[in-house]
Each structure stands twice: as C-alpha cells, then as structure tokens.
PDB file of N, CA and C in Angstrom:
ATOM      1  N   MET A   1     -23.800   2.390   8.846  1.00  0.00           N
ATOM      2  CA  MET A   1     -23.555   3.272   7.733  1.00  0.00           C
ATOM      3  C   MET A   1     -24.697   3.084   6.744  1.00  0.00           C
ATOM      4  N   SER A   2     -25.244   4.181   6.300  1.00  0.00           N
ATOM      5  CA  SER A   2     -26.387   4.081   5.409  1.00  0.00           C
ATOM      6  C   SER A   2     -25.968   3.612   4.021  1.00  0.00           C
ATOM      7  N   VAL A   3     -26.947   3.136   3.282  1.00  0.00           N
ATOM      8  CA  VAL A   3     -26.685   2.566   1.959  1.00  0.00           C
ATOM      9  C   VAL A   3     -26.190   3.632   0.998  1.00  0.00           C
ATOM     10  N   TRP A   4     -26.802   4.817   1.034  1.00  0.00           N
ATOM     11  CA  TRP A   4     -26.394   5.860   0.071  1.00  0.00           C
ATOM     12  C   TRP A   4     -24.991   6.370   0.361  1.00  0.00           C
ATOM     13  N   LEU A   5     -24.606   6.412   1.636  1.00  0.00           N
ATOM     14  CA  LEU A   5     -23.245   6.831   1.970  1.00  0.00           C
ATOM     15  C   LEU A   5     -22.232   5.779   1.512  1.00  0.00           C
ATOM     16  N   ARG A   6     -22.567   4.521   1.700  1.00  0.00           N
ATOM     17  CA  ARG A   6     -21.678   3.443   1.266  1.00  0.00           C
ATOM     18  C   ARG A   6     -21.513   3.460  -0.250  1.00  0.00           C
ATOM     19  N   ARG A   7     -22.613   3.668  -0.979  1.00  0.00           N
ATOM     20  CA  ARG A   7     -22.523   3.740  -2.439  1.00  0.00           C
ATOM     21  C   ARG A   7     -21.705   4.948  -2.877  1.00  0.00           C
ATOM     22  N   GLY A   8     -21.869   6.044  -2.172  1.00  0.00           N
ATOM     23  CA  GLY A   8     -21.094   7.238  -2.498  1.00  0.00           C
ATOM     24  C   GLY A   8     -19.604   7.019  -2.286  1.00  0.00           C
ATOM     25  N   LEU A   9     -19.258   6.327  -1.201  1.00  0.00           N
ATOM     26  CA  LEU A   9     -17.845   6.032  -0.945  1.00  0.00           C
ATOM     27  C   LEU A   9     -17.281   5.080  -1.985  1.00  0.00           C
ATOM     28  N   HIS A  10     -18.070   4.076  -2.382  1.00  0.00           N
ATOM     29  CA  HIS A  10     -17.606   3.163  -3.424  1.00  0.00           C
ATOM     30  C   HIS A  10     -17.402   3.901  -4.746  1.00  0.00           C
ATOM     31  N   THR A  11     -18.310   4.808  -5.067  1.00  0.00           N
ATOM     32  CA  THR A  11     -18.181   5.591  -6.295  1.00  0.00           C
ATOM     33  C   THR A  11     -16.946   6.478  -6.232  1.00  0.00           C
ATOM     34  N   PHE A  12     -16.723   7.100  -5.093  1.00  0.00           N
ATOM     35  CA  PHE A  12     -15.548   7.957  -4.931  1.00  0.00           C
ATOM     36  C   PHE A  12     -14.264   7.147  -5.065  1.00  0.00           C
ATOM     37  N   ASN A  13     -14.206   5.986  -4.441  1.00  0.00           N
ATOM     38  CA  ASN A  13     -13.018   5.129  -4.543  1.00  0.00           C
ATOM     39  C   ASN A  13     -12.791   4.668  -5.981  1.00  0.00           C
ATOM     40  N   ALA A  14     -13.863   4.338  -6.682  1.00  0.00           N
ATOM     41  CA  ALA A  14     -13.723   3.920  -8.074  1.00  0.00           C
ATOM     42  C   ALA A  14     -13.215   5.068  -8.935  1.00  0.00           C
ATOM     43  N   ALA A  15     -13.688   6.286  -8.671  1.00  0.00           N
ATOM     44  CA  ALA A  15     -13.225   7.447  -9.430  1.00  0.00           C
ATOM     45  C   ALA A  15     -11.749   7.714  -9.174  1.00  0.00           C
ATOM     46  N   ILE A  16     -11.313   7.584  -7.933  1.00  0.00           N
ATOM     47  CA  ILE A  16      -9.898   7.787  -7.605  1.00  0.00           C
ATOM     48  C   ILE A  16      -9.042   6.713  -8.280  1.00  0.00           C
ATOM     49  N   ALA A  17      -9.494   5.472  -8.266  1.00  0.00           N
ATOM     50  CA  ALA A  17      -8.749   4.397  -8.921  1.00  0.00           C
ATOM     51  C   ALA A  17      -8.664   4.617 -10.423  1.00  0.00           C
ATOM     52  N   LEU A  18      -9.755   5.047 -11.043  1.00  0.00           N
ATOM     53  CA  LEU A  18      -9.747   5.323 -12.478  1.00  0.00           C
ATOM     54  C   LEU A  18      -8.811   6.477 -12.806  1.00  0.00           C
ATOM     55  N   ALA A  19      -8.829   7.524 -11.998  1.00  0.00           N
ATOM     56  CA  ALA A  19      -7.932   8.657 -12.220  1.00  0.00           C
ATOM     57  C   ALA A  19      -6.474   8.227 -12.064  1.00  0.00           C
ATOM     58  N   SER A  20      -6.203   7.346 -11.118  1.00  0.00           N
ATOM     59  CA  SER A  20      -4.833   6.856 -10.927  1.00  0.00           C
ATOM     60  C   SER A  20      -4.361   6.064 -12.136  1.00  0.00           C
ATOM     61  N   VAL A  21      -5.232   5.231 -12.680  1.00  0.00           N
ATOM     62  CA  VAL A  21      -4.862   4.447 -13.860  1.00  0.00           C
ATOM     63  C   VAL A  21      -4.624   5.365 -15.051  1.00  0.00           C
ATOM     64  N   ILE A  22      -5.465   6.368 -15.226  1.00  0.00           N
ATOM     65  CA  ILE A  22      -5.289   7.312 -16.327  1.00  0.00           C
ATOM     66  C   ILE A  22      -3.970   8.064 -16.185  1.00  0.00           C
ATOM     67  N   LEU A  23      -3.654   8.524 -14.982  1.00  0.00           N
ATOM     68  CA  LEU A  23      -2.376   9.206 -14.765  1.00  0.00           C
ATOM     69  C   LEU A  23      -1.191   8.281 -15.004  1.00  0.00           C
ATOM     70  N   LEU A  24      -1.322   7.026 -14.614  1.00  0.00           N
ATOM     71  CA  LEU A  24      -0.250   6.067 -14.839  1.00  0.00           C
ATOM     72  C   LEU A  24      -0.015   5.842 -16.322  1.00  0.00           C
ATOM     73  N   VAL A  25      -1.102   5.721 -17.087  1.00  0.00           N
ATOM     74  CA  VAL A  25      -0.965   5.523 -18.527  1.00  0.00           C
ATOM     75  C   VAL A  25      -0.360   6.764 -19.181  1.00  0.00           C
ATOM     76  N   CYS A  26      -0.794   7.943 -18.756  1.00  0.00           N
ATOM     77  CA  CYS A  26      -0.235   9.187 -19.312  1.00  0.00           C
ATOM     78  C   CYS A  26       1.251   9.311 -18.987  1.00  0.00           C
ATOM     79  N   ALA A  27       1.632   8.962 -17.785  1.00  0.00           N
ATOM     80  CA  ALA A  27       3.040   9.053 -17.399  1.00  0.00           C
ATOM     81  C   ALA A  27       3.880   8.021 -18.140  1.00  0.00           C
ATOM     82  N   ALA A  28       3.317   6.853 -18.379  1.00  0.00           N
ATOM     83  CA  ALA A  28       4.065   5.810 -19.067  1.00  0.00           C
ATOM     84  C   ALA A  28       4.251   6.123 -20.544  1.00  0.00           C
ATOM     85  N   THR A  29       3.295   6.809 -21.149  1.00  0.00           N
ATOM     86  CA  THR A  29       3.392   7.107 -22.577  1.00  0.00           C
ATOM     87  C   THR A  29       4.039   8.453 -22.859  1.00  0.00           C
ATOM     88  N   ALA A  30       4.273   9.256 -21.844  1.00  0.00           N
ATOM     89  CA  ALA A  30       4.875  10.573 -22.058  1.00  0.00           C
ATOM     90  C   ALA A  30       6.379  10.439 -22.247  1.00  0.00           C
ATOM     91  N   GLY A  31       6.989  11.453 -22.812  1.00  0.00           N
ATOM     92  CA  GLY A  31       8.443  11.474 -22.969  1.00  0.00           C
ATOM     93  C   GLY A  31       8.864  11.190 -24.388  1.00  0.00           C
ATOM     94  N   SER A  32      10.144  11.279 -24.607  1.00  0.00           N
ATOM     95  CA  SER A  32      10.676  11.059 -25.942  1.00  0.00           C
ATOM     96  C   SER A  32      10.781   9.572 -26.239  1.00  0.00           C
ATOM     97  N   ALA A  33      10.934   9.249 -27.498  1.00  0.00           N
ATOM     98  CA  ALA A  33      11.054   7.853 -27.908  1.00  0.00           C
ATOM     99  C   ALA A  33      12.368   7.259 -27.417  1.00  0.00           C
ATOM    100  N   GLN A  34      13.422   8.080 -27.352  1.00  0.00           N
ATOM    101  CA  GLN A  34      14.707   7.568 -26.889  1.00  0.00           C
ATOM    102  C   GLN A  34      14.647   7.224 -25.405  1.00  0.00           C
ATOM    103  N   GLY A  35      14.005   8.078 -24.621  1.00  0.00           N
ATOM    104  CA  GLY A  35      13.887   7.808 -23.190  1.00  0.00           C
ATOM    105  C   GLY A  35      13.073   6.565 -22.922  1.00  0.00           C
ATOM    106  N   THR A  36      11.994   6.381 -23.669  1.00  0.00           N
ATOM    107  CA  THR A  36      11.168   5.201 -23.497  1.00  0.00           C
ATOM    108  C   THR A  36      11.927   3.942 -23.911  1.00  0.00           C
ATOM    109  N   ALA A  37      12.686   4.033 -24.999  1.00  0.00           N
ATOM    110  CA  ALA A  37      13.460   2.872 -25.438  1.00  0.00           C
ATOM    111  C   ALA A  37      14.526   2.514 -24.415  1.00  0.00           C
ATOM    112  N   ALA A  38      15.150   3.528 -23.801  1.00  0.00           N
ATOM    113  CA  ALA A  38      16.175   3.260 -22.792  1.00  0.00           C
ATOM    114  C   ALA A  38      15.573   2.598 -21.559  1.00  0.00           C
ATOM    115  N   VAL A  39      14.406   3.053 -21.166  1.00  0.00           N
ATOM    116  CA  VAL A  39      13.751   2.450 -20.002  1.00  0.00           C
ATOM    117  C   VAL A  39      13.351   1.020 -20.310  1.00  0.00           C
ATOM    118  N   ASN A  40      12.815   0.772 -21.492  1.00  0.00           N
ATOM    119  CA  ASN A  40      12.422  -0.591 -21.859  1.00  0.00           C
ATOM    120  C   ASN A  40      13.628  -1.514 -21.951  1.00  0.00           C
ATOM    121  N   ALA A  41      14.746  -1.015 -22.463  1.00  0.00           N
ATOM    122  CA  ALA A  41      15.943  -1.844 -22.557  1.00  0.00           C
ATOM    123  C   ALA A  41      16.512  -2.144 -21.175  1.00  0.00           C
ATOM    124  N   ALA A  42      16.446  -1.169 -20.278  1.00  0.00           N
ATOM    125  CA  ALA A  42      16.999  -1.364 -18.936  1.00  0.00           C
ATOM    126  C   ALA A  42      16.156  -2.340 -18.122  1.00  0.00           C
ATOM    127  N   ALA A  43      14.849  -2.280 -18.281  1.00  0.00           N
ATOM    128  CA  ALA A  43      13.965  -3.123 -17.475  1.00  0.00           C
ATOM    129  C   ALA A  43      13.491  -4.347 -18.234  1.00  0.00           C
ATOM    130  N   GLY A  44      14.066  -4.638 -19.377  1.00  0.00           N
ATOM    131  CA  GLY A  44      13.595  -5.745 -20.205  1.00  0.00           C
ATOM    132  C   GLY A  44      13.659  -7.085 -19.511  1.00  0.00           C
ATOM    133  N   GLY A  45      14.783  -7.430 -18.921  1.00  0.00           N
ATOM    134  CA  GLY A  45      14.928  -8.731 -18.304  1.00  0.00           C
ATOM    135  C   GLY A  45      14.602  -8.736 -16.828  1.00  0.00           C
ATOM    136  N   ASN A  46      14.315  -7.605 -16.253  1.00  0.00           N
ATOM    137  CA  ASN A  46      14.119  -7.512 -14.807  1.00  0.00           C
ATOM    138  C   ASN A  46      12.671  -7.219 -14.427  1.00  0.00           C
ATOM    139  N   TRP A  47      11.755  -7.470 -15.337  1.00  0.00           N
ATOM    140  CA  TRP A  47      10.367  -7.150 -15.039  1.00  0.00           C
ATOM    141  C   TRP A  47       9.826  -7.999 -13.893  1.00  0.00           C
ATOM    142  N   ALA A  48      10.322  -9.206 -13.736  1.00  0.00           N
ATOM    143  CA  ALA A  48       9.827 -10.080 -12.676  1.00  0.00           C
ATOM    144  C   ALA A  48      10.215  -9.544 -11.292  1.00  0.00           C
ATOM    145  N   ALA A  49      11.427  -9.014 -11.168  1.00  0.00           N
ATOM    146  CA  ALA A  49      11.847  -8.447  -9.884  1.00  0.00           C
ATOM    147  C   ALA A  49      11.020  -7.212  -9.548  1.00  0.00           C
ATOM    148  N   LEU A  50      10.748  -6.391 -10.552  1.00  0.00           N
ATOM    149  CA  LEU A  50       9.945  -5.192 -10.309  1.00  0.00           C
ATOM    150  C   LEU A  50       8.503  -5.550  -9.967  1.00  0.00           C
ATOM    151  N   LEU A  51       7.969  -6.548 -10.636  1.00  0.00           N
ATOM    152  CA  LEU A  51       6.614  -7.005 -10.324  1.00  0.00           C
ATOM    153  C   LEU A  51       6.559  -7.600  -8.918  1.00  0.00           C
ATOM    154  N   GLY A  52       7.581  -8.350  -8.550  1.00  0.00           N
ATOM    155  CA  GLY A  52       7.645  -8.910  -7.196  1.00  0.00           C
ATOM    156  C   GLY A  52       7.725  -7.831  -6.135  1.00  0.00           C
ATOM    157  N   ALA A  53       8.497  -6.771  -6.427  1.00  0.00           N
ATOM    158  CA  ALA A  53       8.584  -5.653  -5.477  1.00  0.00           C
ATOM    159  C   ALA A  53       7.238  -4.966  -5.323  1.00  0.00           C
ATOM    160  N   ALA A  54       6.537  -4.779  -6.435  1.00  0.00           N
ATOM    161  CA  ALA A  54       5.221  -4.138  -6.372  1.00  0.00           C
ATOM    162  C   ALA A  54       4.230  -4.988  -5.585  1.00  0.00           C
ATOM    163  N   ILE A  55       4.258  -6.282  -5.812  1.00  0.00           N
ATOM    164  CA  ILE A  55       3.339  -7.166  -5.084  1.00  0.00           C
ATOM    165  C   ILE A  55       3.688  -7.201  -3.596  1.00  0.00           C
ATOM    166  N   ALA A  56       4.979  -7.213  -3.273  1.00  0.00           N
ATOM    167  CA  ALA A  56       5.387  -7.243  -1.865  1.00  0.00           C
ATOM    168  C   ALA A  56       4.942  -5.981  -1.129  1.00  0.00           C
ATOM    169  N   VAL A  57       5.143  -4.830  -1.755  1.00  0.00           N
ATOM    170  CA  VAL A  57       4.774  -3.577  -1.098  1.00  0.00           C
ATOM    171  C   VAL A  57       3.257  -3.438  -1.003  1.00  0.00           C
ATOM    172  N   ALA A  58       2.555  -3.746  -2.090  1.00  0.00           N
ATOM    173  CA  ALA A  58       1.093  -3.609  -2.070  1.00  0.00           C
ATOM    174  C   ALA A  58       0.455  -4.596  -1.100  1.00  0.00           C
ATOM    175  N   GLY A  59       0.904  -5.838  -1.128  1.00  0.00           N
ATOM    176  CA  GLY A  59       0.328  -6.843  -0.231  1.00  0.00           C
ATOM    177  C   GLY A  59       0.582  -6.538   1.232  1.00  0.00           C
ATOM    178  N   SER A  60       1.789  -6.089   1.535  1.00  0.00           N
ATOM    179  CA  SER A  60       2.090  -5.782   2.935  1.00  0.00           C
ATOM    180  C   SER A  60       1.346  -4.540   3.404  1.00  0.00           C
ATOM    181  N   ALA A  61       1.158  -3.576   2.515  1.00  0.00           N
ATOM    182  CA  ALA A  61       0.407  -2.374   2.907  1.00  0.00           C
ATOM    183  C   ALA A  61      -1.058  -2.703   3.166  1.00  0.00           C
ATOM    184  N   ILE A  62      -1.639  -3.541   2.323  1.00  0.00           N
ATOM    185  CA  ILE A  62      -3.039  -3.939   2.538  1.00  0.00           C
ATOM    186  C   ILE A  62      -3.157  -4.760   3.823  1.00  0.00           C
ATOM    187  N   GLY A  63      -2.239  -5.690   4.018  1.00  0.00           N
ATOM    188  CA  GLY A  63      -2.264  -6.497   5.241  1.00  0.00           C
ATOM    189  C   GLY A  63      -2.082  -5.666   6.500  1.00  0.00           C
ATOM    190  N   ALA A  64      -1.182  -4.680   6.424  1.00  0.00           N
ATOM    191  CA  ALA A  64      -0.966  -3.813   7.583  1.00  0.00           C
ATOM    192  C   ALA A  64      -2.193  -2.960   7.852  1.00  0.00           C
ATOM    193  N   GLY A  65      -2.846  -2.518   6.799  1.00  0.00           N
ATOM    194  CA  GLY A  65      -4.065  -1.727   6.993  1.00  0.00           C
ATOM    195  C   GLY A  65      -5.157  -2.520   7.685  1.00  0.00           C
ATOM    196  N   ILE A  66      -5.325  -3.755   7.272  1.00  0.00           N
ATOM    197  CA  ILE A  66      -6.331  -4.615   7.906  1.00  0.00           C
ATOM    198  C   ILE A  66      -5.945  -4.895   9.358  1.00  0.00           C
ATOM    199  N   ALA A  67      -4.669  -5.180   9.591  1.00  0.00           N
ATOM    200  CA  ALA A  67      -4.214  -5.479  10.949  1.00  0.00           C
ATOM    201  C   ALA A  67      -4.364  -4.280  11.871  1.00  0.00           C
ATOM    202  N   VAL A  68      -4.020  -3.087  11.381  1.00  0.00           N
ATOM    203  CA  VAL A  68      -4.142  -1.891  12.212  1.00  0.00           C
ATOM    204  C   VAL A  68      -5.611  -1.568  12.478  1.00  0.00           C
ATOM    205  N   ALA A  69      -6.478  -1.844  11.510  1.00  0.00           N
ATOM    206  CA  ALA A  69      -7.904  -1.594  11.734  1.00  0.00           C
ATOM    207  C   ALA A  69      -8.432  -2.422  12.899  1.00  0.00           C
ATOM    208  N   TYR A  70      -8.111  -3.711  12.896  1.00  0.00           N
ATOM    209  CA  TYR A  70      -8.618  -4.574  13.966  1.00  0.00           C
ATOM    210  C   TYR A  70      -7.925  -4.302  15.307  1.00  0.00           C
ATOM    211  N   THR A  71      -6.604  -4.196  15.284  1.00  0.00           N
ATOM    212  CA  THR A  71      -5.909  -3.982  16.553  1.00  0.00           C
ATOM    213  C   THR A  71      -6.163  -2.588  17.105  1.00  0.00           C
ATOM    214  N   GLY A  72      -6.300  -1.608  16.231  1.00  0.00           N
ATOM    215  CA  GLY A  72      -6.602  -0.247  16.699  1.00  0.00           C
ATOM    216  C   GLY A  72      -7.972  -0.165  17.353  1.00  0.00           C
ATOM    217  N   ALA A  73      -8.959  -0.819  16.749  1.00  0.00           N
ATOM    218  CA  ALA A  73     -10.300  -0.827  17.342  1.00  0.00           C
ATOM    219  C   ALA A  73     -10.295  -1.540  18.691  1.00  0.00           C
ATOM    220  N   ALA A  74      -9.595  -2.659  18.761  1.00  0.00           N
ATOM    221  CA  ALA A  74      -9.527  -3.387  20.026  1.00  0.00           C
ATOM    222  C   ALA A  74      -8.753  -2.598  21.076  1.00  0.00           C
ATOM    223  N   ALA A  75      -7.699  -1.894  20.645  1.00  0.00           N
ATOM    224  CA  ALA A  75      -6.908  -1.096  21.591  1.00  0.00           C
ATOM    225  C   ALA A  75      -7.742   0.051  22.152  1.00  0.00           C
ATOM    226  N   LEU A  76      -8.509   0.715  21.291  1.00  0.00           N
ATOM    227  CA  LEU A  76      -9.356   1.803  21.788  1.00  0.00           C
ATOM    228  C   LEU A  76     -10.434   1.290  22.733  1.00  0.00           C
ATOM    229  N   ALA A  77     -10.983   0.121  22.432  1.00  0.00           N
ATOM    230  CA  ALA A  77     -11.996  -0.446  23.325  1.00  0.00           C
ATOM    231  C   ALA A  77     -11.383  -0.802  24.677  1.00  0.00           C
ATOM    232  N   ALA A  78     -10.181  -1.355  24.663  1.00  0.00           N
ATOM    233  CA  ALA A  78      -9.525  -1.714  25.928  1.00  0.00           C
ATOM    234  C   ALA A  78      -9.155  -0.475  26.723  1.00  0.00           C
ATOM    235  N   MET A  79      -8.677   0.571  26.026  1.00  0.00           N
ATOM    236  CA  MET A  79      -8.270   1.790  26.731  1.00  0.00           C
ATOM    237  C   MET A  79      -9.466   2.567  27.272  1.00  0.00           C
ATOM    238  N   SER A  80     -10.632   2.388  26.667  1.00  0.00           N
ATOM    239  CA  SER A  80     -11.803   3.082  27.201  1.00  0.00           C
ATOM    240  C   SER A  80     -12.217   2.507  28.546  1.00  0.00           C
ATOM    241  N   GLU A  81     -11.939   1.231  28.767  1.00  0.00           N
ATOM    242  CA  GLU A  81     -12.255   0.619  30.048  1.00  0.00           C
ATOM    243  C   GLU A  81     -11.117   0.747  31.053  1.00  0.00           C
ATOM    244  N   ARG A  82      -9.871   0.587  30.572  1.00  0.00           N
ATOM    245  CA  ARG A  82      -8.706   0.673  31.456  1.00  0.00           C
ATOM    246  C   ARG A  82      -7.642   1.539  30.788  1.00  0.00           C
ATOM    247  N   PRO A  83      -7.575   2.825  31.113  1.00  0.00           N
ATOM    248  CA  PRO A  83      -6.628   3.737  30.458  1.00  0.00           C
ATOM    249  C   PRO A  83      -5.163   3.374  30.680  1.00  0.00           C
ATOM    250  N   GLU A  84      -4.858   2.599  31.663  1.00  0.00           N
ATOM    251  CA  GLU A  84      -3.460   2.237  31.918  1.00  0.00           C
ATOM    252  C   GLU A  84      -2.916   1.254  30.876  1.00  0.00           C
ATOM    253  N   LEU A  85      -3.745   0.755  29.991  1.00  0.00           N
ATOM    254  CA  LEU A  85      -3.301  -0.160  28.938  1.00  0.00           C
ATOM    255  C   LEU A  85      -2.794   0.570  27.696  1.00  0.00           C
ATOM    256  N   PHE A  86      -2.629   1.882  27.788  1.00  0.00           N
ATOM    257  CA  PHE A  86      -2.216   2.667  26.618  1.00  0.00           C
ATOM    258  C   PHE A  86      -0.884   2.185  26.044  1.00  0.00           C
ATOM    259  N   GLY A  87       0.116   1.984  26.879  1.00  0.00           N
ATOM    260  CA  GLY A  87       1.441   1.578  26.407  1.00  0.00           C
ATOM    261  C   GLY A  87       1.419   0.236  25.699  1.00  0.00           C
ATOM    262  N   ARG A  88       0.718  -0.729  26.279  1.00  0.00           N
ATOM    263  CA  ARG A  88       0.632  -2.051  25.661  1.00  0.00           C
ATOM    264  C   ARG A  88      -0.120  -1.995  24.340  1.00  0.00           C
ATOM    265  N   ALA A  89      -1.178  -1.192  24.302  1.00  0.00           N
ATOM    266  CA  ALA A  89      -1.986  -1.099  23.084  1.00  0.00           C
ATOM    267  C   ALA A  89      -1.195  -0.467  21.945  1.00  0.00           C
ATOM    268  N   ILE A  90      -0.409   0.545  22.241  1.00  0.00           N
ATOM    269  CA  ILE A  90       0.392   1.195  21.207  1.00  0.00           C
ATOM    270  C   ILE A  90       1.446   0.231  20.659  1.00  0.00           C
ATOM    271  N   VAL A  91       2.009  -0.604  21.520  1.00  0.00           N
ATOM    272  CA  VAL A  91       2.996  -1.585  21.057  1.00  0.00           C
ATOM    273  C   VAL A  91       2.344  -2.579  20.098  1.00  0.00           C
ATOM    274  N   ILE A  92       1.161  -3.041  20.407  1.00  0.00           N
ATOM    275  CA  ILE A  92       0.467  -4.007  19.545  1.00  0.00           C
ATOM    276  C   ILE A  92       0.138  -3.382  18.198  1.00  0.00           C
ATOM    277  N   VAL A  93      -0.350  -2.140  18.201  1.00  0.00           N
ATOM    278  CA  VAL A  93      -0.653  -1.459  16.935  1.00  0.00           C
ATOM    279  C   VAL A  93       0.630  -1.215  16.153  1.00  0.00           C
ATOM    280  N   GLY A  94       1.715  -0.893  16.841  1.00  0.00           N
ATOM    281  CA  GLY A  94       2.998  -0.697  16.169  1.00  0.00           C
ATOM    282  C   GLY A  94       3.511  -1.973  15.524  1.00  0.00           C
ATOM    283  N   LEU A  95       3.293  -3.107  16.170  1.00  0.00           N
ATOM    284  CA  LEU A  95       3.689  -4.385  15.574  1.00  0.00           C
ATOM    285  C   LEU A  95       2.897  -4.661  14.301  1.00  0.00           C
ATOM    286  N   ALA A  96       1.635  -4.276  14.303  1.00  0.00           N
ATOM    287  CA  ALA A  96       0.825  -4.466  13.102  1.00  0.00           C
ATOM    288  C   ALA A  96       1.328  -3.579  11.968  1.00  0.00           C
ATOM    289  N   GLU A  97       1.791  -2.385  12.281  1.00  0.00           N
ATOM    290  CA  GLU A  97       2.322  -1.504  11.250  1.00  0.00           C
ATOM    291  C   GLU A  97       3.675  -1.980  10.744  1.00  0.00           C
ATOM    292  N   GLY A  98       4.360  -2.779  11.526  1.00  0.00           N
ATOM    293  CA  GLY A  98       5.642  -3.319  11.090  1.00  0.00           C
ATOM    294  C   GLY A  98       5.527  -4.208   9.867  1.00  0.00           C
ATOM    295  N   ILE A  99       4.353  -4.762   9.631  1.00  0.00           N
ATOM    296  CA  ILE A  99       4.138  -5.596   8.449  1.00  0.00           C
ATOM    297  C   ILE A  99       4.419  -4.795   7.183  1.00  0.00           C
ATOM    298  N   ALA A 100       3.967  -3.554   7.134  1.00  0.00           N
ATOM    299  CA  ALA A 100       4.196  -2.710   5.956  1.00  0.00           C
ATOM    300  C   ALA A 100       5.675  -2.403   5.780  1.00  0.00           C
ATOM    301  N   ILE A 101       6.380  -2.229   6.874  1.00  0.00           N
ATOM    302  CA  ILE A 101       7.811  -1.935   6.786  1.00  0.00           C
ATOM    303  C   ILE A 101       8.567  -3.140   6.240  1.00  0.00           C
ATOM    304  N   TYR A 102       8.176  -4.344   6.643  1.00  0.00           N
ATOM    305  CA  TYR A 102       8.829  -5.547   6.113  1.00  0.00           C
ATOM    306  C   TYR A 102       8.626  -5.648   4.606  1.00  0.00           C
ATOM    307  N   GLY A 103       7.421  -5.383   4.142  1.00  0.00           N
ATOM    308  CA  GLY A 103       7.159  -5.415   2.702  1.00  0.00           C
ATOM    309  C   GLY A 103       7.955  -4.369   1.952  1.00  0.00           C
ATOM    310  N   LEU A 104       8.105  -3.192   2.560  1.00  0.00           N
ATOM    311  CA  LEU A 104       8.887  -2.132   1.931  1.00  0.00           C
ATOM    312  C   LEU A 104      10.360  -2.529   1.834  1.00  0.00           C
ATOM    313  N   VAL A 105      10.886  -3.160   2.859  1.00  0.00           N
ATOM    314  CA  VAL A 105      12.279  -3.611   2.836  1.00  0.00           C
ATOM    315  C   VAL A 105      12.482  -4.649   1.734  1.00  0.00           C
ATOM    316  N   ILE A 106      11.563  -5.592   1.618  1.00  0.00           N
ATOM    317  CA  ILE A 106      11.660  -6.599   0.561  1.00  0.00           C
ATOM    318  C   ILE A 106      11.575  -5.936  -0.811  1.00  0.00           C
ATOM    319  N   GLY A 107      10.691  -4.949  -0.965  1.00  0.00           N
ATOM    320  CA  GLY A 107      10.597  -4.225  -2.229  1.00  0.00           C
ATOM    321  C   GLY A 107      11.872  -3.508  -2.577  1.00  0.00           C
ATOM    322  N   ILE A 108      12.508  -2.894  -1.605  1.00  0.00           N
ATOM    323  CA  ILE A 108      13.770  -2.186  -1.854  1.00  0.00           C
ATOM    324  C   ILE A 108      14.864  -3.175  -2.246  1.00  0.00           C
ATOM    325  N   ILE A 109      14.904  -4.328  -1.588  1.00  0.00           N
ATOM    326  CA  ILE A 109      15.906  -5.341  -1.932  1.00  0.00           C
ATOM    327  C   ILE A 109      15.693  -5.826  -3.368  1.00  0.00           C
ATOM    328  N   LEU A 110      14.425  -6.074  -3.750  1.00  0.00           N
ATOM    329  CA  LEU A 110      14.145  -6.549  -5.100  1.00  0.00           C
ATOM    330  C   LEU A 110      14.451  -5.494  -6.154  1.00  0.00           C
ATOM    331  N   ILE A 111      14.173  -4.233  -5.866  1.00  0.00           N
ATOM    332  CA  ILE A 111      14.483  -3.168  -6.821  1.00  0.00           C
ATOM    333  C   ILE A 111      15.986  -3.017  -6.956  1.00  0.00           C
ATOM    334  N   GLY A 112      16.722  -3.226  -5.881  1.00  0.00           N
ATOM    335  CA  GLY A 112      18.175  -3.156  -5.949  1.00  0.00           C
ATOM    336  C   GLY A 112      18.768  -4.244  -6.840  1.00  0.00           C
ATOM    337  N   ARG A 113      18.101  -5.367  -6.944  1.00  0.00           N
ATOM    338  CA  ARG A 113      18.581  -6.451  -7.803  1.00  0.00           C
ATOM    339  C   ARG A 113      18.150  -6.272  -9.249  1.00  0.00           C
ATOM    340  N   ALA A 114      17.166  -5.407  -9.487  1.00  0.00           N
ATOM    341  CA  ALA A 114      16.636  -5.241 -10.857  1.00  0.00           C
ATOM    342  C   ALA A 114      17.564  -4.479 -11.750  1.00  0.00           C
TER     343      ALA A 114
END
C-alpha cells in the first residue's frame, strides 16, 4: 500500500472519528433540561455498569475484528490450495466472530443491571 493512500485512509478515519465525537456531544447536550436531569438521575449510581458494558462491547468487537482478519486471510489461503477445506475454514472464522457475540451478551447483562 502506498504512503499517500495510507495517509489518506488515516485522515479519513480521523475525520469519521471526529464527526462521531461531535455528533455524540450534540446528542448528549440536546433536549430539555428536565429530560437531561431525569437521565442523569437515573444513571447517577450506575455509571460503572454502563462503562463496563461499553468496554466489553468495544473490546470484543475490536478483538473479533483482529481475529477474523487473521483467520479469514489464512482460510482464503488454505482454500486457494485445497477447495475442500471450505467448511472447516468457515467454522474457524465463525468461532472468531463469536468473540463479538460474547462481548455483546456481557454488555446486555450489564445494561440490564444498570
């Protein structure tokens, strides 16, 4: 991958991240004062559970992405030499994607306790 393409992708990713943060701040500050006070009162003592849910989902999604990248590349390389390995390769990639599902389940459990 050329240097200018890599820099362009990094710039694009940074712009998307900045836009996401701006939208998050706008969404958090929008609404009436009563609605904001009600949300703050409801989540006042449960911020740790919500933070834990966010970390569980984000960490598992990043881990699953890395796992699928490596196992998917290896599966395609194996299938290019021996096409009969398709079923086994799909199972391995599916197991890697299961990591994200586990994180999502933990996040749902933590949000249910919040």
